[in-house]
Amino acid sequence: MTEASVVICADTLDRWDDLNAAIASVRRQTCPAREIVLVVDNDEALLESARREIQGVVVTPNTNVRGLCDGRTTGAGLARAPVVAFLDDDAIADERWLDELLMPYADPRVLGVGGRLEPLWRKPRPSWFLYAESRLPGKPNPARGSLASHRLSKSLGQTLAVQVGRIPRCVF
């Protein structure tokens, strides 16, 4: 089976508990990640705390332009597995998340996949919030917080056309 590195980007110490829960959820995968890469974006206190307190994770500052897009690019550049999976710093992955993200890679034509996200509301869901499945019945819901990309898709002229960052030039 194809292996994956998991990249998590974080930009604030305010979500420290969420970040640690995200990392713990990656460690509980039925299909273990080759590595976890934590990219810290523009928060020296978070970077220092992560380096000191989070063991067994590659911790690095974002070496590109500030923001999620370039943070993911930094992480993808450090990742060693053939597939790079991205998880938000405030997300908790189901124990089969990585296994399910990797299944489509049995087909060599697959360059990227998106995972399903289910919000864990801390308060009742706002009535104005619509789920993507409600707006687009039967259509895939490409979630920015849960996705994977084949490393070759970036190196082969950035052929992965799905834009999932906050700026149009972002591949990841």
C-alpha atoms as a PDB file:
ATOM      1  CA  MET A   1       0.000   0.000   0.000  1.00  0.00           C
ATOM      2  CA  THR A   2       1.085   3.572  -0.674  1.00  0.00           C
ATOM      3  CA  GLU A   3       2.585   5.454   2.271  1.00  0.00           C
ATOM      4  CA  ALA A   4       1.768   9.011   3.273  1.00  0.00           C
ATOM      5  CA  SER A   5       3.344  11.808   5.224  1.00  0.00           C
ATOM      6  CA  VAL A   6       0.840  13.960   7.115  1.00  0.00           C
ATOM      7  CA  VAL A   7       1.316  17.726   7.144  1.00  0.00           C
ATOM      8  CA  ILE A   8      -0.415  19.861   9.752  1.00  0.00           C
ATOM      9  CA  CYS A   9      -0.094  23.656   9.594  1.00  0.00           C
ATOM     10  CA  ALA A  10      -0.653  25.787  12.678  1.00  0.00           C
ATOM     11  CA  ASP A  11      -0.458  29.517  13.256  1.00  0.00           C
ATOM     12  CA  THR A  12      -1.514  30.151  16.840  1.00  0.00           C
ATOM     13  CA  LEU A  13      -0.764  28.901  20.323  1.00  0.00           C
ATOM     14  CA  ASP A  14      -4.440  29.593  21.124  1.00  0.00           C
ATOM     15  CA  ARG A  15      -5.387  26.205  19.603  1.00  0.00           C
ATOM     16  CA  TRP A  16      -2.643  24.231  21.388  1.00  0.00           C
ATOM     17  CA  ASP A  17      -5.061  21.599  22.728  1.00  0.00           C
ATOM     18  CA  ASP A  18      -6.709  21.218  19.315  1.00  0.00           C
ATOM     19  CA  LEU A  19      -3.294  20.862  17.664  1.00  0.00           C
ATOM     20  CA  ASN A  20      -2.260  18.130  20.087  1.00  0.00           C
ATOM     21  CA  ALA A  21      -5.574  16.340  19.520  1.00  0.00           C
ATOM     22  CA  ALA A  22      -4.989  16.485  15.747  1.00  0.00           C
ATOM     23  CA  ILE A  23      -1.503  15.005  16.133  1.00  0.00           C
ATOM     24  CA  ALA A  24      -2.777  12.311  18.511  1.00  0.00           C
ATOM     25  CA  SER A  25      -5.474  11.367  15.988  1.00  0.00           C
ATOM     26  CA  VAL A  26      -2.835  10.910  13.277  1.00  0.00           C
ATOM     27  CA  ARG A  27      -0.833   8.686  15.626  1.00  0.00           C
ATOM     28  CA  ARG A  28      -3.910   6.455  16.130  1.00  0.00           C
ATOM     29  CA  GLN A  29      -4.350   5.659  12.438  1.00  0.00           C
ATOM     30  CA  THR A  30      -4.949   2.053  11.363  1.00  0.00           C
ATOM     31  CA  CYS A  31      -2.570   2.859   8.493  1.00  0.00           C
ATOM     32  CA  PRO A  32       0.316   4.690  10.175  1.00  0.00           C
ATOM     33  CA  ALA A  33       1.784   7.802   8.586  1.00  0.00           C
ATOM     34  CA  ARG A  34       5.427   7.557   7.586  1.00  0.00           C
ATOM     35  CA  GLU A  35       5.890  10.861   9.412  1.00  0.00           C
ATOM     36  CA  ILE A  36       4.021  13.862  10.759  1.00  0.00           C
ATOM     37  CA  VAL A  37       5.256  17.280   9.682  1.00  0.00           C
ATOM     38  CA  LEU A  38       4.074  20.259  11.717  1.00  0.00           C
ATOM     39  CA  VAL A  39       4.546  23.591   9.961  1.00  0.00           C
ATOM     40  CA  VAL A  40       4.305  26.621  12.227  1.00  0.00           C
ATOM     41  CA  ASP A  41       3.330  29.823  10.488  1.00  0.00           C
ATOM     42  CA  ASN A  42       4.435  33.131  11.997  1.00  0.00           C
ATOM     43  CA  ASP A  43       4.214  32.274  15.721  1.00  0.00           C
ATOM     44  CA  GLU A  44       7.566  31.946  17.496  1.00  0.00           C
ATOM     45  CA  ALA A  45       5.974  30.958  20.821  1.00  0.00           C
ATOM     46  CA  LEU A  46       4.116  28.099  19.129  1.00  0.00           C
ATOM     47  CA  LEU A  47       7.261  27.024  17.276  1.00  0.00           C
ATOM     48  CA  GLU A  48       9.288  26.923  20.509  1.00  0.00           C
ATOM     49  CA  SER A  49       6.549  25.081  22.426  1.00  0.00           C
ATOM     50  CA  ALA A  50       6.084  22.525  19.656  1.00  0.00           C
ATOM     51  CA  ARG A  51       9.814  21.832  19.372  1.00  0.00           C
ATOM     52  CA  ARG A  52      10.075  21.424  23.135  1.00  0.00           C
ATOM     53  CA  GLU A  53       6.898  19.465  23.874  1.00  0.00           C
ATOM     54  CA  ILE A  54       5.825  17.469  20.812  1.00  0.00           C
ATOM     55  CA  GLN A  55       7.993  14.394  20.336  1.00  0.00           C
ATOM     56  CA  GLY A  56       8.240  12.270  17.206  1.00  0.00           C
ATOM     57  CA  VAL A  57       7.075  15.027  14.855  1.00  0.00           C
ATOM     58  CA  VAL A  58       9.090  17.059  12.360  1.00  0.00           C
ATOM     59  CA  VAL A  59       8.524  20.644  13.544  1.00  0.00           C
ATOM     60  CA  THR A  60       9.512  23.436  11.194  1.00  0.00           C
ATOM     61  CA  PRO A  61       8.697  27.083  10.575  1.00  0.00           C
ATOM     62  CA  ASN A  62       6.962  28.043   7.343  1.00  0.00           C
ATOM     63  CA  THR A  63       9.874  28.966   5.060  1.00  0.00           C
ATOM     64  CA  ASN A  64       7.666  30.511   2.387  1.00  0.00           C
ATOM     65  CA  VAL A  65       5.178  33.384   2.311  1.00  0.00           C
ATOM     66  CA  ARG A  66       2.967  33.581   5.390  1.00  0.00           C
ATOM     67  CA  GLY A  67      -0.294  31.648   5.136  1.00  0.00           C
ATOM     68  CA  LEU A  68      -1.803  28.192   4.803  1.00  0.00           C
ATOM     69  CA  CYS A  69      -0.965  27.773   1.125  1.00  0.00           C
ATOM     70  CA  ASP A  70       2.758  28.310   1.534  1.00  0.00           C
ATOM     71  CA  GLY A  71       2.780  26.508   4.878  1.00  0.00           C
ATOM     72  CA  ARG A  72       1.463  23.421   3.103  1.00  0.00           C
ATOM     73  CA  THR A  73       4.087  23.907   0.411  1.00  0.00           C
ATOM     74  CA  THR A  74       6.786  24.007   3.108  1.00  0.00           C
ATOM     75  CA  GLY A  75       5.451  20.782   4.639  1.00  0.00           C
ATOM     76  CA  ALA A  76       5.120  19.028   1.287  1.00  0.00           C
ATOM     77  CA  GLY A  77       8.723  19.928   0.522  1.00  0.00           C
ATOM     78  CA  LEU A  78       9.892  18.178   3.690  1.00  0.00           C
ATOM     79  CA  ALA A  79       7.608  15.156   3.381  1.00  0.00           C
ATOM     80  CA  ARG A  80       9.347  11.917   2.350  1.00  0.00           C
ATOM     81  CA  ALA A  81       6.403   9.669   1.466  1.00  0.00           C
ATOM     82  CA  PRO A  82       4.983   9.436  -2.073  1.00  0.00           C
ATOM     83  CA  VAL A  83       1.656  10.892  -0.882  1.00  0.00           C
ATOM     84  CA  VAL A  84       1.268  13.983   1.271  1.00  0.00           C
ATOM     85  CA  ALA A  85      -1.921  14.194   3.340  1.00  0.00           C
ATOM     86  CA  PHE A  86      -3.017  17.461   4.909  1.00  0.00           C
ATOM     87  CA  LEU A  87      -5.030  17.790   8.113  1.00  0.00           C
ATOM     88  CA  ASP A  88      -6.147  21.031   9.730  1.00  0.00           C
ATOM     89  CA  ASP A  89      -4.704  21.837  13.132  1.00  0.00           C
ATOM     90  CA  ASP A  90      -8.181  21.869  14.685  1.00  0.00           C
ATOM     91  CA  ALA A  91      -9.375  18.611  13.104  1.00  0.00           C
ATOM     92  CA  ILE A  92      -9.522  15.142  14.636  1.00  0.00           C
ATOM     93  CA  ALA A  93      -8.992  12.362  12.107  1.00  0.00           C
ATOM     94  CA  ASP A  94     -11.063   9.206  12.331  1.00  0.00           C
ATOM     95  CA  GLU A  95      -8.784   6.215  12.952  1.00  0.00           C
ATOM     96  CA  ARG A  96      -9.312   5.038   9.328  1.00  0.00           C
ATOM     97  CA  TRP A  97      -8.873   8.510   7.773  1.00  0.00           C
ATOM     98  CA  LEU A  98      -5.460   7.893   6.247  1.00  0.00           C
ATOM     99  CA  ASP A  99      -6.327   4.360   5.126  1.00  0.00           C
ATOM    100  CA  GLU A 100      -9.389   5.694   3.275  1.00  0.00           C
ATOM    101  CA  LEU A 101      -7.466   8.617   1.758  1.00  0.00           C
ATOM    102  CA  LEU A 102      -4.848   6.212   0.412  1.00  0.00           C
ATOM    103  CA  MET A 103      -7.194   3.606  -1.119  1.00  0.00           C
ATOM    104  CA  PRO A 104      -7.720   5.506  -4.409  1.00  0.00           C
ATOM    105  CA  TYR A 105      -3.944   5.544  -4.989  1.00  0.00           C
ATOM    106  CA  ALA A 106      -4.175   1.884  -6.045  1.00  0.00           C
ATOM    107  CA  ASP A 107      -5.094   3.484  -9.388  1.00  0.00           C
ATOM    108  CA  PRO A 108      -1.895   5.072 -10.795  1.00  0.00           C
ATOM    109  CA  ARG A 109      -3.962   7.801 -12.517  1.00  0.00           C
ATOM    110  CA  VAL A 110      -4.978   9.311  -9.161  1.00  0.00           C
ATOM    111  CA  LEU A 111      -3.147  12.547  -8.321  1.00  0.00           C
ATOM    112  CA  GLY A 112      -5.206  13.773  -5.373  1.00  0.00           C
ATOM    113  CA  VAL A 113      -8.187  12.972  -3.163  1.00  0.00           C
ATOM    114  CA  GLY A 114     -10.323  14.822  -0.650  1.00  0.00           C
ATOM    115  CA  GLY A 115     -11.598  13.485   2.638  1.00  0.00           C
ATOM    116  CA  ARG A 116     -14.919  13.946   4.379  1.00  0.00           C
ATOM    117  CA  LEU A 117     -15.203  16.468   7.195  1.00  0.00           C
ATOM    118  CA  GLU A 118     -17.856  16.338   9.881  1.00  0.00           C
ATOM    119  CA  PRO A 119     -17.928  19.369  12.177  1.00  0.00           C
ATOM    120  CA  LEU A 120     -17.760  18.733  15.914  1.00  0.00           C
ATOM    121  CA  TRP A 121     -19.797  21.695  17.063  1.00  0.00           C
ATOM    122  CA  ARG A 122     -18.840  23.080  20.478  1.00  0.00           C
ATOM    123  CA  LYS A 123     -22.197  24.834  20.472  1.00  0.00           C
ATOM    124  CA  PRO A 124     -25.327  23.947  18.477  1.00  0.00           C
ATOM    125  CA  ARG A 125     -24.850  24.331  14.731  1.00  0.00           C
ATOM    126  CA  PRO A 126     -25.931  27.796  13.577  1.00  0.00           C
ATOM    127  CA  SER A 127     -29.200  27.624  11.632  1.00  0.00           C
ATOM    128  CA  TRP A 128     -27.677  29.625   8.778  1.00  0.00           C
ATOM    129  CA  PHE A 129     -24.854  27.104   8.237  1.00  0.00           C
ATOM    130  CA  LEU A 130     -25.546  24.706   5.365  1.00  0.00           C
ATOM    131  CA  TYR A 131     -23.578  21.539   4.783  1.00  0.00           C
ATOM    132  CA  ALA A 132     -22.053  21.180   1.336  1.00  0.00           C
ATOM    133  CA  GLU A 133     -23.945  17.904   0.898  1.00  0.00           C
ATOM    134  CA  SER A 134     -27.198  19.820   1.407  1.00  0.00           C
ATOM    135  CA  ARG A 135     -26.335  22.345  -1.295  1.00  0.00           C
ATOM    136  CA  LEU A 136     -24.854  19.856  -3.749  1.00  0.00           C
ATOM    137  CA  PRO A 137     -26.665  16.531  -3.359  1.00  0.00           C
ATOM    138  CA  GLY A 138     -24.697  13.657  -4.814  1.00  0.00           C
ATOM    139  CA  LYS A 139     -21.678  15.830  -5.603  1.00  0.00           C
ATOM    140  CA  PRO A 140     -18.266  15.303  -4.010  1.00  0.00           C
ATOM    141  CA  ASN A 141     -17.331  17.647  -1.204  1.00  0.00           C
ATOM    142  CA  PRO A 142     -13.621  18.461  -1.607  1.00  0.00           C
ATOM    143  CA  ALA A 143     -12.657  19.471   1.900  1.00  0.00           C
ATOM    144  CA  ARG A 144      -9.662  21.747   2.362  1.00  0.00           C
ATOM    145  CA  GLY A 145      -8.972  20.410   5.849  1.00  0.00           C
ATOM    146  CA  SER A 146      -8.681  16.764   4.774  1.00  0.00           C
ATOM    147  CA  LEU A 147      -6.949  15.994   1.505  1.00  0.00           C
ATOM    148  CA  ALA A 148      -4.023  14.170  -0.022  1.00  0.00           C
ATOM    149  CA  SER A 149      -1.872  14.806  -3.069  1.00  0.00           C
ATOM    150  CA  HIS A 150       0.619  12.630  -4.888  1.00  0.00           C
ATOM    151  CA  ARG A 151       4.065  14.241  -4.642  1.00  0.00           C
ATOM    152  CA  LEU A 152       4.616  13.735  -8.377  1.00  0.00           C
ATOM    153  CA  SER A 153       1.667  15.976  -9.188  1.00  0.00           C
ATOM    154  CA  LYS A 154       3.591  18.962  -7.870  1.00  0.00           C
ATOM    155  CA  SER A 155       6.892  18.112  -9.504  1.00  0.00           C
ATOM    156  CA  LEU A 156       5.360  17.387 -12.928  1.00  0.00           C
ATOM    157  CA  GLY A 157       4.641  20.998 -13.771  1.00  0.00           C
ATOM    158  CA  GLN A 158       2.146  21.413 -10.920  1.00  0.00           C
ATOM    159  CA  THR A 159      -0.473  19.393 -12.755  1.00  0.00           C
ATOM    160  CA  LEU A 160      -2.752  19.121  -9.759  1.00  0.00           C
ATOM    161  CA  ALA A 161      -5.363  21.677 -10.793  1.00  0.00           C
ATOM    162  CA  VAL A 162      -7.427  21.716  -7.602  1.00  0.00           C
ATOM    163  CA  GLN A 163      -6.855  24.990  -5.785  1.00  0.00           C
ATOM    164  CA  VAL A 164      -7.382  24.518  -2.090  1.00  0.00           C
ATOM    165  CA  GLY A 165      -5.478  27.408  -0.554  1.00  0.00           C
ATOM    166  CA  ARG A 166      -6.636  30.919   0.087  1.00  0.00           C
ATOM    167  CA  ILE A 167      -4.800  32.353  -2.934  1.00  0.00           C
ATOM    168  CA  PRO A 168      -5.278  31.219  -6.558  1.00  0.00           C
ATOM    169  CA  ARG A 169      -1.608  30.319  -7.141  1.00  0.00           C
ATOM    170  CA  CYS A 170      -1.718  27.676  -4.411  1.00  0.00           C
ATOM    171  CA  VAL A 171      -1.528  24.044  -5.515  1.00  0.00           C
ATOM    172  CA  PHE A 172      -2.017  22.517  -2.066  1.00  0.00           C
END
